[in-house]
Amino acid sequence: MSKYKAYFIDLDGTIYQGKKKMPSGKRFIDRLKAANIPYLFVTNNSTKNPEDVADNLTKNHDIETSADQVYTSSMATADFLKTIASPDKKGVYIIGESGLRDALINADFTITSDENADFVVAGLDRAFNYEKLTTATLAIQQGAQFIATNRDTNLPNERGMLPGAGSLISAIQTATQVEPTVIAKPEIPIMNGALNKLHINQQDVVMVGDNYNTDILAGINSQIDTLLVYSGVSTPKQISQMVQKPTHEVETLDNWTI
């Protein structure tokens, strides 16, 4: 039996591959359910709300999932902001989509449309333009705190590797010369938020993912054990060159004993 009381689990490359089902991912979740072990899907995607992510897993990948089993970078960003915002400073200028907007509104933040903001929160925004960049830049120059959901440079797509949130973050950082506080994997805030959501201690959970630079480093940075599965981004050759290795490595999640 595994020693872990709970699991944090990445999605794309770990449980499915884009729109393609990954049978080993479903079998892994089925084993967790059978053992009554709690788990949380932890994703850097800031564009979708947890209901959308759960719906995709349920309908397209035959993994019945509820919204409370999902923790997005938008939710983590809202949880982080709640810990640093004062009651009279809750104005947020958003560069992002509905997932980010909904998470911040649900956390009682006020969304502003101009540079008079206490925070600039930036994630992936497929309607990003020069005017949004200008507003974010002016807000930060006037003292707004710069928060980034994640720094993912690219998103895999049938067209190729599309620009990720990190490309937009870099544009704002270049214009302002201000380094953002980054929330999602491989950073610590999203892991702290996930621990709080499941009410679990670091030593009792393992972070499962296919990407050393996000999933595994998130665990390492947070002193959480890690399980790297070679079904997505990282390869055994790459990992052999790393000084800090994952706690566990498997070719497929079918090789992991719950």
C-alpha atoms as a PDB file:
ATOM      1  CA  MET A   1       0.000   0.000   0.000  1.00  0.00           C
ATOM      2  CA  SER A   2       1.153   3.544  -0.741  1.00  0.00           C
ATOM      3  CA  LYS A   3       1.903   5.697   2.266  1.00  0.00           C
ATOM      4  CA  TYR A   4       0.067   8.716   0.824  1.00  0.00           C
ATOM      5  CA  LYS A   5      -3.280   9.829   2.210  1.00  0.00           C
ATOM      6  CA  ALA A   6      -4.049  12.143  -0.727  1.00  0.00           C
ATOM      7  CA  TYR A   7      -2.921  12.969  -4.258  1.00  0.00           C
ATOM      8  CA  PHE A   8      -2.451  16.196  -6.214  1.00  0.00           C
ATOM      9  CA  ILE A   9      -2.727  15.356  -9.910  1.00  0.00           C
ATOM     10  CA  ASP A  10      -1.847  17.215 -13.088  1.00  0.00           C
ATOM     11  CA  LEU A  11      -4.175  16.850 -16.073  1.00  0.00           C
ATOM     12  CA  ASP A  12      -2.827  17.202 -19.612  1.00  0.00           C
ATOM     13  CA  GLY A  13      -0.068  14.670 -20.241  1.00  0.00           C
ATOM     14  CA  THR A  14      -0.870  12.858 -17.008  1.00  0.00           C
ATOM     15  CA  ILE A  15      -4.579  11.940 -17.083  1.00  0.00           C
ATOM     16  CA  TYR A  16      -5.245  12.678 -20.751  1.00  0.00           C
ATOM     17  CA  GLN A  17      -3.377  13.970 -23.784  1.00  0.00           C
ATOM     18  CA  GLY A  18      -5.175  17.015 -25.159  1.00  0.00           C
ATOM     19  CA  LYS A  19      -8.494  15.721 -26.464  1.00  0.00           C
ATOM     20  CA  LYS A  20      -7.218  12.156 -26.517  1.00  0.00           C
ATOM     21  CA  LYS A  21      -8.216   9.719 -23.786  1.00  0.00           C
ATOM     22  CA  MET A  22      -5.439   8.049 -21.829  1.00  0.00           C
ATOM     23  CA  PRO A  23      -6.746   4.727 -20.417  1.00  0.00           C
ATOM     24  CA  SER A  24      -3.987   4.535 -17.792  1.00  0.00           C
ATOM     25  CA  GLY A  25      -5.137   7.889 -16.408  1.00  0.00           C
ATOM     26  CA  LYS A  26      -8.701   6.686 -15.968  1.00  0.00           C
ATOM     27  CA  ARG A  27      -7.542   3.430 -14.388  1.00  0.00           C
ATOM     28  CA  PHE A  28      -5.369   5.396 -11.946  1.00  0.00           C
ATOM     29  CA  ILE A  29      -8.326   7.534 -10.840  1.00  0.00           C
ATOM     30  CA  ASP A  30     -10.542   4.463 -10.594  1.00  0.00           C
ATOM     31  CA  ARG A  31      -8.018   2.876  -8.213  1.00  0.00           C
ATOM     32  CA  LEU A  32      -7.942   6.008  -6.054  1.00  0.00           C
ATOM     33  CA  LYS A  33     -11.740   6.001  -5.891  1.00  0.00           C
ATOM     34  CA  ALA A  34     -11.831   2.311  -4.988  1.00  0.00           C
ATOM     35  CA  ALA A  35      -9.364   2.945  -2.156  1.00  0.00           C
ATOM     36  CA  ASN A  36     -11.330   6.009  -0.946  1.00  0.00           C
ATOM     37  CA  ILE A  37      -8.215   8.167  -1.241  1.00  0.00           C
ATOM     38  CA  PRO A  38      -8.976  11.882  -1.790  1.00  0.00           C
ATOM     39  CA  TYR A  39      -7.383  13.637  -4.741  1.00  0.00           C
ATOM     40  CA  LEU A  40      -7.349  17.071  -6.309  1.00  0.00           C
ATOM     41  CA  PHE A  41      -6.696  17.935  -9.937  1.00  0.00           C
ATOM     42  CA  VAL A  42      -4.219  20.822  -9.780  1.00  0.00           C
ATOM     43  CA  THR A  43      -3.985  22.716 -13.066  1.00  0.00           C
ATOM     44  CA  ASN A  44      -2.170  25.834 -14.263  1.00  0.00           C
ATOM     45  CA  ASN A  45      -5.059  26.560 -16.651  1.00  0.00           C
ATOM     46  CA  SER A  46      -6.542  29.926 -15.646  1.00  0.00           C
ATOM     47  CA  THR A  47      -9.100  30.240 -18.448  1.00  0.00           C
ATOM     48  CA  LYS A  48     -11.622  27.640 -17.291  1.00  0.00           C
ATOM     49  CA  ASN A  49     -13.658  27.473 -14.120  1.00  0.00           C
ATOM     50  CA  PRO A  50     -13.660  24.240 -12.078  1.00  0.00           C
ATOM     51  CA  GLU A  51     -17.083  23.258 -13.413  1.00  0.00           C
ATOM     52  CA  ASP A  52     -15.727  23.350 -16.972  1.00  0.00           C
ATOM     53  CA  VAL A  53     -12.678  21.249 -16.056  1.00  0.00           C
ATOM     54  CA  ALA A  54     -14.849  18.701 -14.231  1.00  0.00           C
ATOM     55  CA  ASP A  55     -17.295  18.587 -17.139  1.00  0.00           C
ATOM     56  CA  ASN A  56     -14.470  17.882 -19.597  1.00  0.00           C
ATOM     57  CA  LEU A  57     -13.159  15.011 -17.454  1.00  0.00           C
ATOM     58  CA  THR A  58     -16.622  13.556 -16.989  1.00  0.00           C
ATOM     59  CA  LYS A  59     -17.950  13.815 -20.538  1.00  0.00           C
ATOM     60  CA  ASN A  60     -14.836  13.507 -22.685  1.00  0.00           C
ATOM     61  CA  HIS A  61     -12.612  11.209 -20.631  1.00  0.00           C
ATOM     62  CA  ASP A  62     -15.120   9.033 -18.716  1.00  0.00           C
ATOM     63  CA  ILE A  63     -13.698  10.204 -15.379  1.00  0.00           C
ATOM     64  CA  GLU A  64     -16.636  11.335 -13.273  1.00  0.00           C
ATOM     65  CA  THR A  65     -15.460  14.480 -11.546  1.00  0.00           C
ATOM     66  CA  SER A  66     -17.048  17.207  -9.433  1.00  0.00           C
ATOM     67  CA  ALA A  67     -15.977  20.852  -9.357  1.00  0.00           C
ATOM     68  CA  ASP A  68     -14.692  20.502  -5.787  1.00  0.00           C
ATOM     69  CA  GLN A  69     -12.084  18.011  -7.049  1.00  0.00           C
ATOM     70  CA  VAL A  70     -10.496  20.706  -9.227  1.00  0.00           C
ATOM     71  CA  TYR A  71      -8.069  23.451  -8.214  1.00  0.00           C
ATOM     72  CA  THR A  72      -7.093  25.898 -10.951  1.00  0.00           C
ATOM     73  CA  SER A  73      -4.443  28.606 -11.000  1.00  0.00           C
ATOM     74  CA  SER A  74      -7.299  31.143 -10.967  1.00  0.00           C
ATOM     75  CA  MET A  75      -8.682  29.689  -7.738  1.00  0.00           C
ATOM     76  CA  ALA A  76      -5.184  29.652  -6.244  1.00  0.00           C
ATOM     77  CA  THR A  77      -4.686  33.276  -7.282  1.00  0.00           C
ATOM     78  CA  ALA A  78      -7.940  34.322  -5.615  1.00  0.00           C
ATOM     79  CA  ASP A  79      -7.018  32.412  -2.449  1.00  0.00           C
ATOM     80  CA  PHE A  80      -3.583  34.049  -2.390  1.00  0.00           C
ATOM     81  CA  LEU A  81      -5.011  37.549  -2.900  1.00  0.00           C
ATOM     82  CA  LYS A  82      -7.387  37.027   0.017  1.00  0.00           C
ATOM     83  CA  THR A  83      -4.350  36.582   2.277  1.00  0.00           C
ATOM     84  CA  ILE A  84      -2.677  39.862   1.250  1.00  0.00           C
ATOM     85  CA  ALA A  85      -5.512  42.258   0.311  1.00  0.00           C
ATOM     86  CA  SER A  86      -6.865  44.711   2.871  1.00  0.00           C
ATOM     87  CA  PRO A  87     -10.649  45.317   2.995  1.00  0.00           C
ATOM     88  CA  ASP A  88     -10.308  48.746   1.378  1.00  0.00           C
ATOM     89  CA  LYS A  89      -7.922  47.635  -1.388  1.00  0.00           C
ATOM     90  CA  LYS A  90      -9.672  44.976  -3.467  1.00  0.00           C
ATOM     91  CA  GLY A  91      -9.725  46.530  -6.935  1.00  0.00           C
ATOM     92  CA  VAL A  92      -8.299  44.233  -9.603  1.00  0.00           C
ATOM     93  CA  TYR A  93      -7.480  44.856 -13.233  1.00  0.00           C
ATOM     94  CA  ILE A  94      -7.584  41.507 -15.036  1.00  0.00           C
ATOM     95  CA  ILE A  95      -5.795  40.271 -18.081  1.00  0.00           C
ATOM     96  CA  GLY A  96      -7.466  36.906 -18.413  1.00  0.00           C
ATOM     97  CA  GLU A  97     -10.609  35.019 -19.286  1.00  0.00           C
ATOM     98  CA  SER A  98     -13.776  33.838 -17.554  1.00  0.00           C
ATOM     99  CA  GLY A  99     -12.081  31.369 -15.221  1.00  0.00           C
ATOM    100  CA  LEU A 100      -9.960  34.098 -13.680  1.00  0.00           C
ATOM    101  CA  ARG A 101     -12.738  36.659 -13.603  1.00  0.00           C
ATOM    102  CA  ASP A 102     -15.185  34.250 -11.943  1.00  0.00           C
ATOM    103  CA  ALA A 103     -12.651  33.175  -9.301  1.00  0.00           C
ATOM    104  CA  LEU A 104     -11.888  36.764  -8.299  1.00  0.00           C
ATOM    105  CA  ILE A 105     -15.530  37.843  -8.264  1.00  0.00           C
ATOM    106  CA  ASN A 106     -16.399  34.802  -6.123  1.00  0.00           C
ATOM    107  CA  ALA A 107     -13.658  35.895  -3.714  1.00  0.00           C
ATOM    108  CA  ASP A 108     -15.315  39.352  -3.394  1.00  0.00           C
ATOM    109  CA  PHE A 109     -12.786  41.329  -5.404  1.00  0.00           C
ATOM    110  CA  THR A 110     -13.914  44.290  -7.511  1.00  0.00           C
ATOM    111  CA  ILE A 111     -13.007  44.153 -11.185  1.00  0.00           C
ATOM    112  CA  THR A 112     -11.839  47.484 -12.595  1.00  0.00           C
ATOM    113  CA  SER A 113     -11.710  48.531 -16.242  1.00  0.00           C
ATOM    114  CA  ASP A 114      -8.959  51.135 -15.943  1.00  0.00           C
ATOM    115  CA  GLU A 115      -5.575  51.678 -14.308  1.00  0.00           C
ATOM    116  CA  ASN A 116      -7.075  52.640 -10.935  1.00  0.00           C
ATOM    117  CA  ALA A 117      -6.475  49.211  -9.424  1.00  0.00           C
ATOM    118  CA  ASP A 118      -4.814  47.763  -6.345  1.00  0.00           C
ATOM    119  CA  PHE A 119      -3.731  44.620  -8.208  1.00  0.00           C
ATOM    120  CA  VAL A 120      -3.017  43.667 -11.788  1.00  0.00           C
ATOM    121  CA  VAL A 121      -3.697  39.955 -12.204  1.00  0.00           C
ATOM    122  CA  ALA A 122      -2.584  38.431 -15.479  1.00  0.00           C
ATOM    123  CA  GLY A 123      -3.144  34.997 -16.968  1.00  0.00           C
ATOM    124  CA  LEU A 124      -3.790  33.649 -20.432  1.00  0.00           C
ATOM    125  CA  ASP A 125      -5.976  36.072 -22.398  1.00  0.00           C
ATOM    126  CA  ARG A 126      -6.706  35.190 -26.013  1.00  0.00           C
ATOM    127  CA  ALA A 127      -8.110  38.704 -26.530  1.00  0.00           C
ATOM    128  CA  PHE A 128      -4.923  40.372 -25.284  1.00  0.00           C
ATOM    129  CA  ASN A 129      -4.112  43.617 -27.107  1.00  0.00           C
ATOM    130  CA  TYR A 130      -2.069  46.799 -26.827  1.00  0.00           C
ATOM    131  CA  GLU A 131      -4.753  48.655 -24.872  1.00  0.00           C
ATOM    132  CA  LYS A 132      -4.854  45.950 -22.205  1.00  0.00           C
ATOM    133  CA  LEU A 133      -1.062  45.999 -22.023  1.00  0.00           C
ATOM    134  CA  THR A 134      -1.162  49.783 -21.651  1.00  0.00           C
ATOM    135  CA  THR A 135      -3.734  49.722 -18.853  1.00  0.00           C
ATOM    136  CA  ALA A 136      -1.854  47.017 -16.951  1.00  0.00           C
ATOM    137  CA  THR A 137       1.415  48.908 -17.378  1.00  0.00           C
ATOM    138  CA  LEU A 138      -0.027  52.200 -16.110  1.00  0.00           C
ATOM    139  CA  ALA A 139      -1.693  50.505 -13.137  1.00  0.00           C
ATOM    140  CA  ILE A 140       1.561  48.848 -12.064  1.00  0.00           C
ATOM    141  CA  GLN A 141       3.484  52.098 -12.572  1.00  0.00           C
ATOM    142  CA  GLN A 142       0.963  53.757 -10.233  1.00  0.00           C
ATOM    143  CA  GLY A 143       1.554  51.159  -7.533  1.00  0.00           C
ATOM    144  CA  ALA A 144      -0.717  48.191  -8.302  1.00  0.00           C
ATOM    145  CA  GLN A 145       0.768  44.871  -7.230  1.00  0.00           C
ATOM    146  CA  PHE A 146       1.586  42.605 -10.188  1.00  0.00           C
ATOM    147  CA  ILE A 147       0.299  39.022  -9.842  1.00  0.00           C
ATOM    148  CA  ALA A 148       0.675  36.311 -12.495  1.00  0.00           C
ATOM    149  CA  THR A 149      -1.375  33.122 -12.512  1.00  0.00           C
ATOM    150  CA  ASN A 150       1.416  31.148 -14.193  1.00  0.00           C
ATOM    151  CA  ARG A 151       4.425  31.451 -16.472  1.00  0.00           C
ATOM    152  CA  ASP A 152       3.668  28.620 -18.912  1.00  0.00           C
ATOM    153  CA  THR A 153       5.403  29.770 -22.087  1.00  0.00           C
ATOM    154  CA  ASN A 154       3.414  27.661 -24.538  1.00  0.00           C
ATOM    155  CA  LEU A 155       0.227  25.637 -24.880  1.00  0.00           C
ATOM    156  CA  PRO A 156       0.152  22.454 -26.999  1.00  0.00           C
ATOM    157  CA  ASN A 157      -2.528  22.584 -29.657  1.00  0.00           C
ATOM    158  CA  GLU A 158      -3.332  20.784 -32.900  1.00  0.00           C
ATOM    159  CA  ARG A 159      -1.827  23.848 -34.644  1.00  0.00           C
ATOM    160  CA  GLY A 160       1.426  23.604 -32.659  1.00  0.00           C
ATOM    161  CA  MET A 161       2.853  25.201 -29.523  1.00  0.00           C
ATOM    162  CA  LEU A 162       0.725  28.310 -29.025  1.00  0.00           C
ATOM    163  CA  PRO A 163       1.759  31.261 -26.803  1.00  0.00           C
ATOM    164  CA  GLY A 164       0.968  30.633 -23.138  1.00  0.00           C
ATOM    165  CA  ALA A 165       0.276  32.983 -20.248  1.00  0.00           C
ATOM    166  CA  GLY A 166       4.009  33.451 -19.732  1.00  0.00           C
ATOM    167  CA  SER A 167       4.363  35.272 -23.038  1.00  0.00           C
ATOM    168  CA  LEU A 168       1.811  37.874 -21.917  1.00  0.00           C
ATOM    169  CA  ILE A 169       3.390  38.140 -18.464  1.00  0.00           C
ATOM    170  CA  SER A 170       6.742  38.836 -20.107  1.00  0.00           C
ATOM    171  CA  ALA A 171       5.261  41.678 -22.155  1.00  0.00           C
ATOM    172  CA  ILE A 172       3.922  43.373 -19.008  1.00  0.00           C
ATOM    173  CA  GLN A 173       7.163  42.769 -17.141  1.00  0.00           C
ATOM    174  CA  THR A 174       9.153  44.260 -20.023  1.00  0.00           C
ATOM    175  CA  ALA A 175       6.954  47.365 -20.068  1.00  0.00           C
ATOM    176  CA  THR A 176       7.059  47.895 -16.293  1.00  0.00           C
ATOM    177  CA  GLN A 177      10.402  46.382 -15.238  1.00  0.00           C
ATOM    178  CA  VAL A 178       8.457  44.819 -12.346  1.00  0.00           C
ATOM    179  CA  GLU A 179       8.759  41.135 -11.458  1.00  0.00           C
ATOM    180  CA  PRO A 180       5.349  39.553 -10.764  1.00  0.00           C
ATOM    181  CA  THR A 181       4.389  37.302  -7.894  1.00  0.00           C
ATOM    182  CA  VAL A 182       3.667  33.995  -9.660  1.00  0.00           C
ATOM    183  CA  ILE A 183       1.043  31.650  -8.208  1.00  0.00           C
ATOM    184  CA  ALA A 184       0.895  28.357 -10.112  1.00  0.00           C
ATOM    185  CA  LYS A 185       3.238  25.420 -10.626  1.00  0.00           C
ATOM    186  CA  PRO A 186       6.194  25.330 -10.090  1.00  0.00           C
ATOM    187  CA  GLU A 187       5.627  28.057  -7.505  1.00  0.00           C
ATOM    188  CA  ILE A 188       4.565  27.468  -3.911  1.00  0.00           C
ATOM    189  CA  PRO A 189       1.267  29.441  -3.567  1.00  0.00           C
ATOM    190  CA  ILE A 190      -0.833  26.996  -5.612  1.00  0.00           C
ATOM    191  CA  MET A 191       0.506  24.080  -3.564  1.00  0.00           C
ATOM    192  CA  ASN A 192      -0.275  25.836  -0.281  1.00  0.00           C
ATOM    193  CA  GLY A 193      -3.769  26.537  -1.580  1.00  0.00           C
ATOM    194  CA  ALA A 194      -4.226  22.894  -2.562  1.00  0.00           C
ATOM    195  CA  LEU A 195      -3.052  21.724   0.874  1.00  0.00           C
ATOM    196  CA  ASN A 196      -5.583  24.040   2.509  1.00  0.00           C
ATOM    197  CA  LYS A 197      -8.365  22.914   0.207  1.00  0.00           C
ATOM    198  CA  LEU A 198      -7.849  19.231   1.060  1.00  0.00           C
ATOM    199  CA  HIS A 199      -6.932  19.966   4.715  1.00  0.00           C
ATOM    200  CA  ILE A 200      -3.862  17.771   4.330  1.00  0.00           C
ATOM    201  CA  ASN A 201      -0.249  18.020   5.519  1.00  0.00           C
ATOM    202  CA  GLN A 202       2.756  18.126   3.181  1.00  0.00           C
ATOM    203  CA  GLN A 203       4.086  14.742   4.265  1.00  0.00           C
ATOM    204  CA  ASP A 204       0.765  13.005   3.543  1.00  0.00           C
ATOM    205  CA  VAL A 205       0.362  13.949  -0.121  1.00  0.00           C
ATOM    206  CA  VAL A 206       2.178  13.318  -3.411  1.00  0.00           C
ATOM    207  CA  MET A 207       2.205  15.525  -6.522  1.00  0.00           C
ATOM    208  CA  VAL A 208       1.662  13.500  -9.708  1.00  0.00           C
ATOM    209  CA  GLY A 209       2.610  14.898 -13.112  1.00  0.00           C
ATOM    210  CA  ASP A 210       4.421  14.499 -16.415  1.00  0.00           C
ATOM    211  CA  ASN A 211       6.381  17.769 -16.464  1.00  0.00           C
ATOM    212  CA  TYR A 212       9.490  18.131 -14.303  1.00  0.00           C
ATOM    213  CA  ASN A 213       9.643  21.917 -14.739  1.00  0.00           C
ATOM    214  CA  THR A 214       6.115  22.518 -13.445  1.00  0.00           C
ATOM    215  CA  ASP A 215       4.585  19.564 -11.588  1.00  0.00           C
ATOM    216  CA  ILE A 216       7.712  18.063 -10.079  1.00  0.00           C
ATOM    217  CA  LEU A 217       9.444  21.336  -9.209  1.00  0.00           C
ATOM    218  CA  ALA A 218       6.197  22.484  -7.556  1.00  0.00           C
ATOM    219  CA  GLY A 219       6.436  19.494  -5.246  1.00  0.00           C
ATOM    220  CA  ILE A 220      10.146  19.941  -4.637  1.00  0.00           C
ATOM    221  CA  ASN A 221       9.744  23.671  -3.920  1.00  0.00           C
ATOM    222  CA  SER A 222       6.924  22.888  -1.474  1.00  0.00           C
ATOM    223  CA  GLN A 223       8.638  19.930   0.220  1.00  0.00           C
ATOM    224  CA  ILE A 224       5.985  17.568  -1.117  1.00  0.00           C
ATOM    225  CA  ASP A 225       6.859  14.124  -2.520  1.00  0.00           C
ATOM    226  CA  THR A 226       6.546  13.751  -6.282  1.00  0.00           C
ATOM    227  CA  LEU A 227       5.584  11.055  -8.782  1.00  0.00           C
ATOM    228  CA  LEU A 228       6.779  11.678 -12.350  1.00  0.00           C
ATOM    229  CA  VAL A 229       5.035   9.685 -15.063  1.00  0.00           C
ATOM    230  CA  TYR A 230       6.702   9.401 -18.465  1.00  0.00           C
ATOM    231  CA  SER A 231       3.526   9.933 -20.465  1.00  0.00           C
ATOM    232  CA  GLY A 232       3.957  13.556 -21.448  1.00  0.00           C
ATOM    233  CA  VAL A 233       6.625  16.252 -21.426  1.00  0.00           C
ATOM    234  CA  SER A 234       9.644  14.977 -19.483  1.00  0.00           C
ATOM    235  CA  THR A 235      11.838  12.050 -20.563  1.00  0.00           C
ATOM    236  CA  PRO A 236      14.094   9.670 -18.603  1.00  0.00           C
ATOM    237  CA  LYS A 237      17.156  11.147 -20.347  1.00  0.00           C
ATOM    238  CA  GLN A 238      16.236  14.652 -19.177  1.00  0.00           C
ATOM    239  CA  ILE A 239      15.622  13.497 -15.622  1.00  0.00           C
ATOM    240  CA  SER A 240      18.943  11.625 -15.489  1.00  0.00           C
ATOM    241  CA  GLN A 241      20.645  15.016 -15.798  1.00  0.00           C
ATOM    242  CA  MET A 242      18.694  16.665 -12.977  1.00  0.00           C
ATOM    243  CA  VAL A 243      20.338  17.164  -9.594  1.00  0.00           C
ATOM    244  CA  GLN A 244      16.999  17.079  -7.753  1.00  0.00           C
ATOM    245  CA  LYS A 245      15.177  13.943  -8.804  1.00  0.00           C
ATOM    246  CA  PRO A 246      11.465  13.133  -8.412  1.00  0.00           C
ATOM    247  CA  THR A 247      10.657  10.999  -5.386  1.00  0.00           C
ATOM    248  CA  HIS A 248       9.178   8.349  -7.685  1.00  0.00           C
ATOM    249  CA  GLU A 249       9.289   7.705 -11.441  1.00  0.00           C
ATOM    250  CA  VAL A 250       7.030   5.405 -13.485  1.00  0.00           C
ATOM    251  CA  GLU A 251       6.664   4.690 -17.198  1.00  0.00           C
ATOM    252  CA  THR A 252       2.891   4.668 -16.868  1.00  0.00           C
ATOM    253  CA  LEU A 253       0.447   5.213 -14.007  1.00  0.00           C
ATOM    254  CA  ASP A 254      -0.487   1.547 -14.381  1.00  0.00           C
ATOM    255  CA  ASN A 255       2.872   0.808 -12.746  1.00  0.00           C
ATOM    256  CA  TRP A 256       1.969   2.715  -9.588  1.00  0.00           C
ATOM    257  CA  THR A 257       0.531   0.832  -6.630  1.00  0.00           C
ATOM    258  CA  ILE A 258      -2.062   2.816  -4.647  1.00  0.00           C
END
